Amino acid sequence: MQVLIQVTVPVFLLIGAGYFAVWLRVLTDENIHGLMRFAQRIAIPCLLFRAISQLDFQANFDPLFILSFYVGSIFAFVLGMTGARYVFKRSIEDSIAIGFTALFGNTVLIGLAIVDRAYGAASLDSTFLVVAFHAPFCYLIGITAMEIARNGHTFAWQTVGAVINGMFHNAIMLGIAAGFIFNILDIQLPVLVGDAFDAVKLTALPAALFGLGGILVRYRPEGDLKVIAMICVLALLVHPSVTWLLAKGAFDLDQALVRSSVITAAMAPGINAYIFASMYERAMRVAASSVLVGTAMSILTVSAWLLIVD
């Protein structure tokens, strides 16, 4: 129990500190917005760029590891969309946005921090593989489903292309892409430049976690509690359960890979779930509330998964 407290409490204390700093008006929304812009546009791209550019893909890439995580993701998306449509009688577009909220976990801001504290920096190599594919994979699934729903089962390539183009103007995506390029071409940064990147990347997770807490102040849980509960169950329990069954049972992966895949799968819905809902103006209140409620609930569920995978 003491180990669990040492792993999870500092992460959620940082989120809580950000939350109460804004709630008590010690910091303004503008302050938090500036901090998150720094984290998302500079610090996290530096972190991901350095990690992916230096990653030994030959040693760390295991297709079964990737499969165990993303089969669980798709399962959560399909169940969320189906439940919203046929149990809660939401429109097809609302249902897709709800499914996307169950699909898109907070693998970067919280996932990396939890895995790092639980298993050390060496365990992050496999987690970075999940993170590298996460946003492109989730957006491709969500956008494809939404565009088919909106265009009478006709795939709108122009719209998808425009959104994907917009994604690659995102600093985090650019950091990931640059990391892949430097890795493939075996480009090494000069030592002094690399040291500067490393100094910036150390600020990424603390700044992002504190900023996340400040952002969550605006996401008040209102209505749709049964839908929100379904999303939280899918994101916090179903996704990691499917991942654990595949990674541990079906694929018999190394214990380090099982830990990384399951704990990363156990993350609450991320801010991108709300961004996607806002993009299509569908189920925005559900997405926003699920981010807040899921993050709060994950204090307990992540601790439980840490016990299970060990």
Protein backbone atom coordinates (compact mmCIF):
# COMPACT_ATOMS: atom_id res chain seq x y z
CA MET A 1 0.00 0.00 0.00
CA GLN A 2 2.84 2.38 0.82
CA VAL A 3 4.32 1.79 -2.65
CA LEU A 4 0.96 2.57 -4.28
CA ILE A 5 0.73 5.80 -2.31
CA GLN A 6 4.24 6.77 -3.38
CA VAL A 7 3.36 6.11 -7.03
CA THR A 8 -0.11 7.61 -7.42
CA VAL A 9 -0.49 10.30 -4.78
CA PRO A 10 2.22 12.71 -6.05
CA VAL A 11 0.72 12.58 -9.56
CA PHE A 12 -2.79 13.36 -8.39
CA LEU A 13 -1.55 15.90 -5.84
CA LEU A 14 -0.05 17.87 -8.72
CA ILE A 15 -3.38 17.70 -10.57
CA GLY A 16 -5.19 18.71 -7.37
CA ALA A 17 -2.79 21.59 -6.76
CA GLY A 18 -3.54 22.97 -10.21
CA TYR A 19 -7.28 22.52 -9.66
CA PHE A 20 -7.35 24.35 -6.33
CA ALA A 21 -4.95 27.06 -7.52
CA VAL A 22 -7.56 28.07 -10.10
CA TRP A 23 -10.61 27.31 -7.95
CA LEU A 24 -9.22 29.52 -5.15
CA ARG A 25 -8.20 32.13 -7.74
CA VAL A 26 -4.53 32.00 -6.86
CA LEU A 27 -4.02 31.60 -10.61
CA THR A 28 -6.30 32.72 -13.41
CA ASP A 29 -7.52 30.79 -16.42
CA GLU A 30 -5.06 32.83 -18.49
CA ASN A 31 -2.16 31.68 -16.27
CA ILE A 32 -3.14 28.05 -16.68
CA HIS A 33 -3.71 28.52 -20.40
CA GLY A 34 -0.16 29.86 -20.71
CA LEU A 35 1.25 26.97 -18.69
CA MET A 36 -0.58 24.40 -20.81
CA ARG A 37 0.55 26.09 -24.01
CA PHE A 38 4.14 25.76 -22.78
CA ALA A 39 3.60 22.11 -21.80
CA GLN A 40 1.75 21.07 -24.96
CA ARG A 41 3.65 23.16 -27.52
CA ILE A 42 7.19 23.04 -26.14
CA ALA A 43 7.91 20.75 -23.19
CA ILE A 44 5.93 17.62 -24.15
CA PRO A 45 7.03 17.76 -27.83
CA CYS A 46 10.64 17.99 -26.56
CA LEU A 47 10.03 15.00 -24.27
CA LEU A 48 8.48 12.87 -27.02
CA PHE A 49 11.03 13.95 -29.63
CA ARG A 50 13.97 12.99 -27.43
CA ALA A 51 12.39 9.72 -26.31
CA ILE A 52 11.41 8.52 -29.80
CA SER A 53 14.59 9.74 -31.51
CA GLN A 54 16.68 7.70 -29.04
CA LEU A 55 14.38 4.67 -28.84
CA ASP A 56 15.73 1.30 -29.97
CA PHE A 57 12.74 0.13 -32.02
CA GLN A 58 14.34 -3.18 -32.87
CA ALA A 59 14.66 -4.04 -29.20
CA ASN A 60 11.36 -2.54 -28.02
CA PHE A 61 8.84 -2.95 -30.82
CA ASP A 62 6.58 -5.92 -30.20
CA PRO A 63 3.46 -6.07 -32.44
CA LEU A 64 1.62 -8.17 -29.86
CA PHE A 65 2.22 -5.48 -27.24
CA ILE A 66 0.77 -2.83 -29.55
CA LEU A 67 -2.11 -5.16 -30.49
CA SER A 68 -3.03 -5.86 -26.87
CA PHE A 69 -3.43 -2.13 -26.18
CA TYR A 70 -5.28 -1.14 -29.33
CA VAL A 71 -7.68 -4.08 -29.45
CA GLY A 72 -8.77 -2.91 -26.00
CA SER A 73 -9.12 0.63 -27.35
CA ILE A 74 -11.33 -0.46 -30.25
CA PHE A 75 -13.40 -2.64 -27.91
CA ALA A 76 -14.04 0.35 -25.61
CA PHE A 77 -14.96 2.54 -28.60
CA VAL A 78 -17.42 0.03 -30.07
CA LEU A 79 -19.06 -0.67 -26.71
CA GLY A 80 -19.30 3.04 -25.91
CA MET A 81 -20.83 3.87 -29.27
CA THR A 82 -23.23 0.91 -29.15
CA GLY A 83 -24.30 1.60 -25.55
CA ALA A 84 -24.91 5.28 -26.27
CA ARG A 85 -26.94 4.46 -29.39
CA TYR A 86 -29.05 1.52 -28.27
CA VAL A 87 -29.17 1.78 -24.46
CA PHE A 88 -29.27 5.57 -24.00
CA LYS A 89 -30.94 6.33 -27.36
CA ARG A 90 -28.48 9.03 -28.40
CA SER A 91 -28.09 10.12 -32.02
CA ILE A 92 -25.50 8.31 -34.11
CA GLU A 93 -23.19 11.35 -34.09
CA ASP A 94 -23.51 11.76 -30.31
CA SER A 95 -22.83 8.04 -29.96
CA ILE A 96 -19.61 8.29 -31.96
CA ALA A 97 -18.41 11.21 -29.82
CA ILE A 98 -19.24 9.21 -26.68
CA GLY A 99 -17.42 6.18 -28.03
CA PHE A 100 -14.42 8.39 -28.82
CA THR A 101 -14.39 9.61 -25.21
CA ALA A 102 -14.08 6.01 -24.04
CA LEU A 103 -11.40 5.42 -26.69
CA PHE A 104 -9.02 8.33 -26.05
CA GLY A 105 -7.20 7.82 -22.74
CA ASN A 106 -4.86 10.32 -21.14
CA THR A 107 -1.73 8.37 -22.05
CA VAL A 108 0.63 11.36 -22.15
CA LEU A 109 -0.18 13.67 -19.24
CA ILE A 110 -0.98 10.98 -16.66
CA GLY A 111 0.02 7.67 -18.27
CA LEU A 112 3.69 8.52 -18.69
CA ALA A 113 3.88 9.95 -15.17
CA ILE A 114 2.32 6.88 -13.54
CA VAL A 115 4.45 4.37 -15.46
CA ASP A 116 7.58 6.38 -14.74
CA ARG A 117 6.91 6.55 -11.00
CA ALA A 118 5.78 2.93 -10.76
CA TYR A 119 8.47 1.18 -12.79
CA GLY A 120 11.22 3.72 -13.53
CA ALA A 121 12.43 5.54 -16.62
CA ALA A 122 13.61 2.31 -18.28
CA SER A 123 10.01 1.10 -18.48
CA LEU A 124 8.96 4.13 -20.53
CA ASP A 125 10.41 2.86 -23.81
CA SER A 126 7.44 0.59 -24.51
CA THR A 127 4.99 3.23 -23.26
CA PHE A 128 6.40 5.76 -25.73
CA LEU A 129 5.52 3.32 -28.51
CA VAL A 130 1.86 3.42 -27.45
CA VAL A 131 1.95 7.22 -27.16
CA ALA A 132 3.53 7.61 -30.61
CA PHE A 133 0.59 5.90 -32.33
CA HIS A 134 -2.17 6.95 -29.95
CA ALA A 135 -3.42 10.28 -31.32
CA PRO A 136 -3.22 9.32 -35.03
CA PHE A 137 -4.95 5.99 -34.35
CA CYS A 138 -7.76 7.41 -32.22
CA TYR A 139 -8.46 10.36 -34.49
CA LEU A 140 -8.47 8.13 -37.56
CA ILE A 141 -11.06 5.84 -35.92
CA GLY A 142 -13.23 8.70 -34.66
CA ILE A 143 -13.06 10.86 -37.78
CA THR A 144 -13.72 7.93 -40.09
CA ALA A 145 -16.81 6.88 -38.11
CA MET A 146 -18.14 10.45 -37.85
CA GLU A 147 -17.63 11.28 -41.51
CA ILE A 148 -19.32 8.07 -42.63
CA ALA A 149 -22.26 8.87 -40.32
CA ARG A 150 -22.49 12.42 -41.62
CA ASN A 151 -22.18 11.61 -45.30
CA GLY A 152 -24.67 8.77 -45.65
CA HIS A 153 -22.08 5.98 -45.46
CA THR A 154 -19.87 7.73 -48.03
CA PHE A 155 -16.31 8.23 -46.87
CA ALA A 156 -15.40 11.94 -47.10
CA TRP A 157 -11.71 11.82 -47.91
CA GLN A 158 -11.40 15.59 -48.28
CA THR A 159 -12.67 16.26 -44.77
CA VAL A 160 -10.53 13.53 -43.24
CA GLY A 161 -7.48 14.83 -45.09
CA ALA A 162 -8.10 18.35 -43.82
CA VAL A 163 -8.39 17.21 -40.21
CA ILE A 164 -5.33 14.96 -40.42
CA ASN A 165 -3.45 17.89 -41.94
CA GLY A 166 -4.54 19.96 -38.95
CA MET A 167 -3.32 17.24 -36.58
CA PHE A 168 0.16 17.48 -38.05
CA HIS A 169 0.19 21.19 -37.30
CA ASN A 170 -0.10 20.11 -33.66
CA ALA A 171 3.23 20.52 -31.82
CA ILE A 172 2.97 17.14 -30.08
CA MET A 173 2.41 15.36 -33.38
CA LEU A 174 5.33 17.27 -34.89
CA GLY A 175 7.54 16.24 -31.97
CA ILE A 176 6.60 12.59 -32.51
CA ALA A 177 7.14 12.82 -36.29
CA ALA A 178 10.51 14.54 -35.85
CA GLY A 179 11.53 11.86 -33.37
CA PHE A 180 10.74 9.13 -35.92
CA ILE A 181 12.70 10.96 -38.63
CA PHE A 182 15.78 11.46 -36.44
CA ASN A 183 15.57 7.83 -35.32
CA ILE A 184 15.22 6.36 -38.81
CA LEU A 185 17.97 8.55 -40.26
CA ASP A 186 20.15 8.07 -37.15
CA ILE A 187 20.62 11.83 -36.71
CA GLN A 188 22.30 12.84 -33.47
CA LEU A 189 21.87 16.27 -31.93
CA PRO A 190 25.01 18.13 -30.81
CA VAL A 191 25.61 17.48 -27.11
CA LEU A 192 24.83 21.02 -25.99
CA VAL A 193 21.58 21.11 -27.98
CA GLY A 194 20.61 17.71 -26.62
CA ASP A 195 21.29 18.93 -23.08
CA ALA A 196 19.00 21.91 -23.67
CA PHE A 197 16.22 19.61 -24.91
CA ASP A 198 16.73 17.38 -21.88
CA ALA A 199 16.44 20.36 -19.52
CA VAL A 200 13.14 21.39 -21.09
CA LYS A 201 11.71 17.85 -21.14
CA LEU A 202 12.15 17.55 -17.36
CA THR A 203 9.49 20.23 -16.93
CA ALA A 204 6.97 18.52 -19.25
CA LEU A 205 5.05 16.19 -16.95
CA PRO A 206 4.95 18.40 -13.81
CA ALA A 207 3.79 21.41 -15.85
CA ALA A 208 1.23 19.34 -17.77
CA LEU A 209 -0.22 17.69 -14.65
CA PHE A 210 -0.53 21.02 -12.80
CA GLY A 211 -2.07 22.62 -15.88
CA LEU A 212 -4.47 19.71 -16.34
CA GLY A 213 -5.78 20.28 -12.82
CA GLY A 214 -6.38 23.95 -13.58
CA ILE A 215 -8.23 23.12 -16.78
CA LEU A 216 -10.50 20.61 -15.02
CA VAL A 217 -12.08 23.43 -12.97
CA ARG A 218 -14.19 24.40 -15.97
CA TYR A 219 -15.47 20.81 -16.50
CA ARG A 220 -18.30 20.46 -14.03
CA PRO A 221 -20.21 17.16 -14.08
CA GLU A 222 -23.75 18.01 -15.16
CA GLY A 223 -26.48 15.58 -16.23
CA ASP A 224 -26.00 12.46 -18.33
CA LEU A 225 -24.61 10.67 -15.27
CA LYS A 226 -25.43 7.19 -16.57
CA VAL A 227 -23.63 7.85 -19.86
CA ILE A 228 -20.64 9.29 -17.97
CA ALA A 229 -20.61 6.23 -15.70
CA MET A 230 -20.57 3.95 -18.76
CA ILE A 231 -17.63 5.85 -20.25
CA CYS A 232 -15.67 5.66 -17.00
CA VAL A 233 -16.28 1.92 -16.70
CA LEU A 234 -15.12 1.37 -20.28
CA ALA A 235 -12.02 3.56 -19.97
CA LEU A 236 -10.94 2.60 -16.46
CA LEU A 237 -11.99 -1.07 -16.28
CA VAL A 238 -12.93 -2.61 -19.63
CA HIS A 239 -10.03 -1.31 -21.75
CA PRO A 240 -7.32 -2.39 -19.25
CA SER A 241 -9.13 -5.71 -18.65
CA VAL A 242 -9.09 -6.59 -22.36
CA THR A 243 -5.47 -5.46 -22.60
CA TRP A 244 -4.51 -7.56 -19.56
CA LEU A 245 -6.28 -10.66 -20.90
CA LEU A 246 -4.50 -10.35 -24.23
CA ALA A 247 -1.06 -9.30 -22.98
CA LYS A 248 -0.92 -11.73 -20.06
CA GLY A 249 -3.19 -14.56 -21.14
CA ALA A 250 -3.31 -14.80 -24.91
CA PHE A 251 0.12 -13.41 -25.84
CA ASP A 252 2.09 -14.24 -22.67
CA LEU A 253 4.15 -11.06 -22.98
CA ASP A 254 7.09 -10.20 -20.78
CA GLN A 255 5.94 -8.86 -17.41
CA ALA A 256 7.40 -5.41 -18.12
CA LEU A 257 5.31 -5.16 -21.30
CA VAL A 258 2.20 -6.37 -19.49
CA ARG A 259 2.65 -3.67 -16.86
CA SER A 260 3.22 -0.93 -19.41
CA SER A 261 0.28 -1.90 -21.64
CA VAL A 262 -2.25 -2.39 -18.84
CA ILE A 263 -1.38 0.70 -16.81
CA THR A 264 -1.37 2.89 -19.93
CA ALA A 265 -4.73 1.38 -20.93
CA ALA A 266 -6.16 2.22 -17.49
CA MET A 267 -5.99 5.99 -17.99
CA ALA A 268 -9.04 8.23 -17.74
CA PRO A 269 -10.43 10.02 -20.82
CA GLY A 270 -8.09 12.78 -21.96
CA ILE A 271 -8.67 16.38 -22.97
CA ASN A 272 -8.61 15.32 -26.64
CA ALA A 273 -11.95 13.60 -26.08
CA TYR A 274 -13.49 17.01 -25.41
CA ILE A 275 -11.61 18.53 -28.36
CA PHE A 276 -13.07 15.87 -30.68
CA ALA A 277 -16.59 16.42 -29.31
CA SER A 278 -16.18 20.19 -29.77
CA MET A 279 -14.92 19.69 -33.32
CA TYR A 280 -18.26 18.14 -34.26
CA GLU A 281 -20.35 19.90 -31.56
CA ARG A 282 -21.64 16.59 -30.28
CA ALA A 283 -21.89 15.28 -26.69
CA MET A 284 -19.55 18.04 -25.46
CA ARG A 285 -20.99 18.10 -21.93
CA VAL A 286 -20.64 14.32 -21.66
CA ALA A 287 -17.04 14.43 -22.87
CA ALA A 288 -16.04 17.30 -20.56
CA SER A 289 -17.68 15.73 -17.51
CA SER A 290 -16.15 12.33 -18.29
CA VAL A 291 -12.66 13.86 -18.29
CA LEU A 292 -13.24 15.28 -14.80
CA VAL A 293 -15.07 12.31 -13.27
CA GLY A 294 -12.77 9.75 -14.89
CA THR A 295 -9.63 11.53 -13.67
CA ALA A 296 -10.99 11.61 -10.10
CA MET A 297 -12.03 7.94 -10.21
CA SER A 298 -8.69 6.86 -11.66
CA ILE A 299 -7.00 7.60 -8.33
CA LEU A 300 -8.58 4.36 -7.09
CA THR A 301 -8.72 2.32 -10.29
CA VAL A 302 -5.10 2.94 -11.28
CA SER A 303 -4.01 1.89 -7.79
CA ALA A 304 -6.03 -1.32 -8.21
CA TRP A 305 -4.44 -2.06 -11.59
CA LEU A 306 -0.97 -1.49 -10.16
CA LEU A 307 -1.75 -4.24 -7.64
CA ILE A 308 -3.20 -6.58 -10.27
CA VAL A 309 -0.33 -6.38 -12.74
CA ASP A 310 2.24 -7.00 -10.01
